[in-house]
Amino acid sequence: MNKTKKVLLYGITIVVIVFSCIWEYYTQQWIAAQPEGGGAVIRVDAFVLWPLVLTLVSVSLFQLFKKK
């Protein structure tokens, strides 16, 4: 993988991590504002967001520590 692709991968990974932290913060705020403390809320977004974060971090770490 050339240098441009690695930098793009690392950049996308950082952006997605920051976005997921912001998303989680506002989602928790919204859940707390729901009646009954948000007990009836089903978090479907977590099935997409966290596997994406884990995949990007895994691929980034693999590229970072891969032997040449």
N, C-alpha and C. Protein backbone atom coordinates (compact mmCIF):
# COMPACT_ATOMS: atom_id res chain seq x y z
N MET A 1 0.85 -1.16 0.00
CA MET A 1 0.00 0.00 0.00
C MET A 1 0.90 1.23 0.00
N ASN A 2 0.64 2.14 -0.91
CA ASN A 2 1.52 3.32 -0.99
C ASN A 2 1.17 4.33 0.10
N LYS A 3 2.02 5.35 0.21
CA LYS A 3 1.92 6.30 1.31
C LYS A 3 0.61 7.09 1.28
N THR A 4 0.13 7.47 0.10
CA THR A 4 -1.11 8.23 0.00
C THR A 4 -2.30 7.44 0.55
N LYS A 5 -2.36 6.16 0.23
CA LYS A 5 -3.47 5.33 0.70
C LYS A 5 -3.40 5.14 2.21
N LYS A 6 -2.19 5.00 2.75
CA LYS A 6 -2.05 4.85 4.20
C LYS A 6 -2.49 6.12 4.93
N VAL A 7 -2.07 7.27 4.43
CA VAL A 7 -2.46 8.54 5.06
C VAL A 7 -3.97 8.72 4.99
N LEU A 8 -4.57 8.37 3.86
CA LEU A 8 -6.02 8.45 3.72
C LEU A 8 -6.72 7.50 4.69
N LEU A 9 -6.20 6.29 4.83
CA LEU A 9 -6.77 5.32 5.76
C LEU A 9 -6.69 5.83 7.19
N TYR A 10 -5.55 6.35 7.60
CA TYR A 10 -5.38 6.87 8.95
C TYR A 10 -6.28 8.08 9.18
N GLY A 11 -6.40 8.94 8.19
CA GLY A 11 -7.25 10.12 8.30
C GLY A 11 -8.72 9.74 8.45
N ILE A 12 -9.17 8.81 7.64
CA ILE A 12 -10.57 8.36 7.73
C ILE A 12 -10.82 7.70 9.08
N THR A 13 -9.85 6.93 9.56
CA THR A 13 -9.99 6.28 10.86
C THR A 13 -10.15 7.30 11.98
N ILE A 14 -9.33 8.34 11.96
CA ILE A 14 -9.41 9.37 13.00
C ILE A 14 -10.74 10.11 12.92
N VAL A 15 -11.18 10.44 11.71
CA VAL A 15 -12.45 11.15 11.54
C VAL A 15 -13.61 10.30 12.05
N VAL A 16 -13.60 9.02 11.73
CA VAL A 16 -14.69 8.13 12.17
C VAL A 16 -14.69 7.97 13.68
N ILE A 17 -13.51 7.88 14.30
CA ILE A 17 -13.44 7.77 15.76
C ILE A 17 -13.99 9.03 16.42
N VAL A 18 -13.60 10.20 15.92
CA VAL A 18 -14.10 11.46 16.49
C VAL A 18 -15.61 11.55 16.28
N PHE A 19 -16.08 11.23 15.07
CA PHE A 19 -17.52 11.26 14.79
C PHE A 19 -18.28 10.31 15.71
N SER A 20 -17.75 9.11 15.94
CA SER A 20 -18.46 8.14 16.78
C SER A 20 -18.53 8.61 18.24
N CYS A 21 -17.49 9.27 18.72
CA CYS A 21 -17.52 9.80 20.08
C CYS A 21 -18.57 10.91 20.21
N ILE A 22 -18.61 11.81 19.24
CA ILE A 22 -19.61 12.88 19.24
C ILE A 22 -21.02 12.28 19.12
N TRP A 23 -21.19 11.32 18.22
CA TRP A 23 -22.49 10.67 18.03
C TRP A 23 -22.95 10.00 19.32
N GLU A 24 -22.05 9.30 19.99
CA GLU A 24 -22.39 8.61 21.23
C GLU A 24 -22.80 9.60 22.32
N TYR A 25 -22.10 10.71 22.42
CA TYR A 25 -22.43 11.73 23.41
C TYR A 25 -23.84 12.26 23.20
N TYR A 26 -24.16 12.66 21.97
CA TYR A 26 -25.48 13.21 21.70
C TYR A 26 -26.58 12.15 21.77
N THR A 27 -26.26 10.92 21.43
CA THR A 27 -27.25 9.85 21.56
C THR A 27 -27.57 9.60 23.02
N GLN A 28 -26.56 9.60 23.88
CA GLN A 28 -26.80 9.41 25.31
C GLN A 28 -27.61 10.56 25.90
N GLN A 29 -27.35 11.77 25.42
CA GLN A 29 -28.14 12.93 25.87
C GLN A 29 -29.60 12.76 25.44
N TRP A 30 -29.82 12.32 24.22
CA TRP A 30 -31.18 12.14 23.71
C TRP A 30 -31.90 11.03 24.48
N ILE A 31 -31.20 9.94 24.77
CA ILE A 31 -31.80 8.83 25.52
C ILE A 31 -32.19 9.29 26.92
N ALA A 32 -31.34 10.08 27.55
CA ALA A 32 -31.64 10.57 28.89
C ALA A 32 -32.85 11.50 28.90
N ALA A 33 -33.12 12.18 27.79
CA ALA A 33 -34.25 13.09 27.70
C ALA A 33 -35.57 12.38 27.39
N GLN A 34 -35.51 11.10 27.08
CA GLN A 34 -36.72 10.35 26.76
C GLN A 34 -37.49 10.00 28.03
N PRO A 35 -38.81 9.80 27.88
CA PRO A 35 -39.59 9.40 29.06
C PRO A 35 -39.09 8.07 29.62
N GLU A 36 -39.15 7.92 30.91
CA GLU A 36 -38.72 6.72 31.62
C GLU A 36 -37.23 6.44 31.44
N GLY A 37 -36.44 7.45 31.18
CA GLY A 37 -35.00 7.29 31.06
C GLY A 37 -34.54 6.59 29.80
N GLY A 38 -35.42 6.47 28.83
CA GLY A 38 -35.06 5.84 27.57
C GLY A 38 -34.97 4.33 27.63
N GLY A 39 -35.71 3.72 28.52
CA GLY A 39 -35.68 2.27 28.66
C GLY A 39 -36.20 1.53 27.45
N ALA A 40 -37.06 2.17 26.66
CA ALA A 40 -37.65 1.51 25.50
C ALA A 40 -36.87 1.78 24.21
N VAL A 41 -35.72 2.46 24.31
CA VAL A 41 -34.93 2.79 23.13
C VAL A 41 -34.08 1.60 22.73
N ILE A 42 -34.14 1.24 21.47
CA ILE A 42 -33.31 0.17 20.92
C ILE A 42 -32.25 0.80 20.03
N ARG A 43 -30.99 0.59 20.36
CA ARG A 43 -29.88 1.22 19.65
C ARG A 43 -29.46 0.37 18.44
N VAL A 44 -30.06 0.63 17.30
CA VAL A 44 -29.71 -0.09 16.09
C VAL A 44 -28.45 0.49 15.46
N ASP A 45 -28.17 1.76 15.71
CA ASP A 45 -26.99 2.39 15.14
C ASP A 45 -25.69 1.75 15.62
N ALA A 46 -25.71 1.15 16.79
CA ALA A 46 -24.51 0.53 17.33
C ALA A 46 -24.07 -0.69 16.50
N PHE A 47 -25.00 -1.32 15.79
CA PHE A 47 -24.65 -2.47 14.96
C PHE A 47 -23.91 -2.07 13.69
N VAL A 48 -23.92 -0.80 13.36
CA VAL A 48 -23.20 -0.31 12.19
C VAL A 48 -21.96 0.47 12.61
N LEU A 49 -22.11 1.33 13.59
CA LEU A 49 -21.05 2.25 13.96
C LEU A 49 -19.84 1.55 14.57
N TRP A 50 -20.04 0.72 15.58
CA TRP A 50 -18.91 0.13 16.29
C TRP A 50 -18.17 -0.92 15.47
N PRO A 51 -18.84 -1.77 14.68
CA PRO A 51 -18.06 -2.65 13.80
C PRO A 51 -17.24 -1.87 12.77
N LEU A 52 -17.76 -0.74 12.30
CA LEU A 52 -16.99 0.10 11.37
C LEU A 52 -15.75 0.65 12.05
N VAL A 53 -15.90 1.13 13.27
CA VAL A 53 -14.75 1.66 14.02
C VAL A 53 -13.73 0.56 14.27
N LEU A 54 -14.19 -0.59 14.72
CA LEU A 54 -13.27 -1.70 14.98
C LEU A 54 -12.53 -2.15 13.72
N THR A 55 -13.23 -2.21 12.60
CA THR A 55 -12.60 -2.61 11.35
C THR A 55 -11.56 -1.60 10.91
N LEU A 56 -11.88 -0.32 10.96
CA LEU A 56 -10.92 0.70 10.55
C LEU A 56 -9.69 0.73 11.46
N VAL A 57 -9.90 0.60 12.76
CA VAL A 57 -8.76 0.58 13.68
C VAL A 57 -7.90 -0.66 13.44
N SER A 58 -8.53 -1.80 13.22
CA SER A 58 -7.79 -3.03 12.96
C SER A 58 -6.95 -2.94 11.69
N VAL A 59 -7.54 -2.44 10.63
CA VAL A 59 -6.81 -2.31 9.37
C VAL A 59 -5.68 -1.29 9.51
N SER A 60 -5.94 -0.20 10.21
CA SER A 60 -4.90 0.81 10.42
C SER A 60 -3.74 0.25 11.23
N LEU A 61 -4.04 -0.47 12.29
CA LEU A 61 -2.98 -1.07 13.10
C LEU A 61 -2.21 -2.13 12.31
N PHE A 62 -2.91 -2.91 11.51
CA PHE A 62 -2.25 -3.91 10.67
C PHE A 62 -1.28 -3.23 9.69
N GLN A 63 -1.71 -2.16 9.07
CA GLN A 63 -0.84 -1.44 8.13
C GLN A 63 0.33 -0.78 8.85
N LEU A 64 0.10 -0.33 10.07
CA LEU A 64 1.15 0.35 10.83
C LEU A 64 2.24 -0.61 11.28
N PHE A 65 1.85 -1.81 11.72
CA PHE A 65 2.82 -2.75 12.28
C PHE A 65 3.22 -3.87 11.33
N LYS A 66 2.74 -3.85 10.10
CA LYS A 66 3.07 -4.88 9.12
C LYS A 66 4.54 -4.80 8.76
N LYS A 67 5.16 -5.96 8.64
CA LYS A 67 6.57 -5.99 8.23
C LYS A 67 6.67 -5.82 6.73
N LYS A 68 7.67 -5.06 6.33
CA LYS A 68 7.82 -4.77 4.90
C LYS A 68 8.61 -5.82 4.19
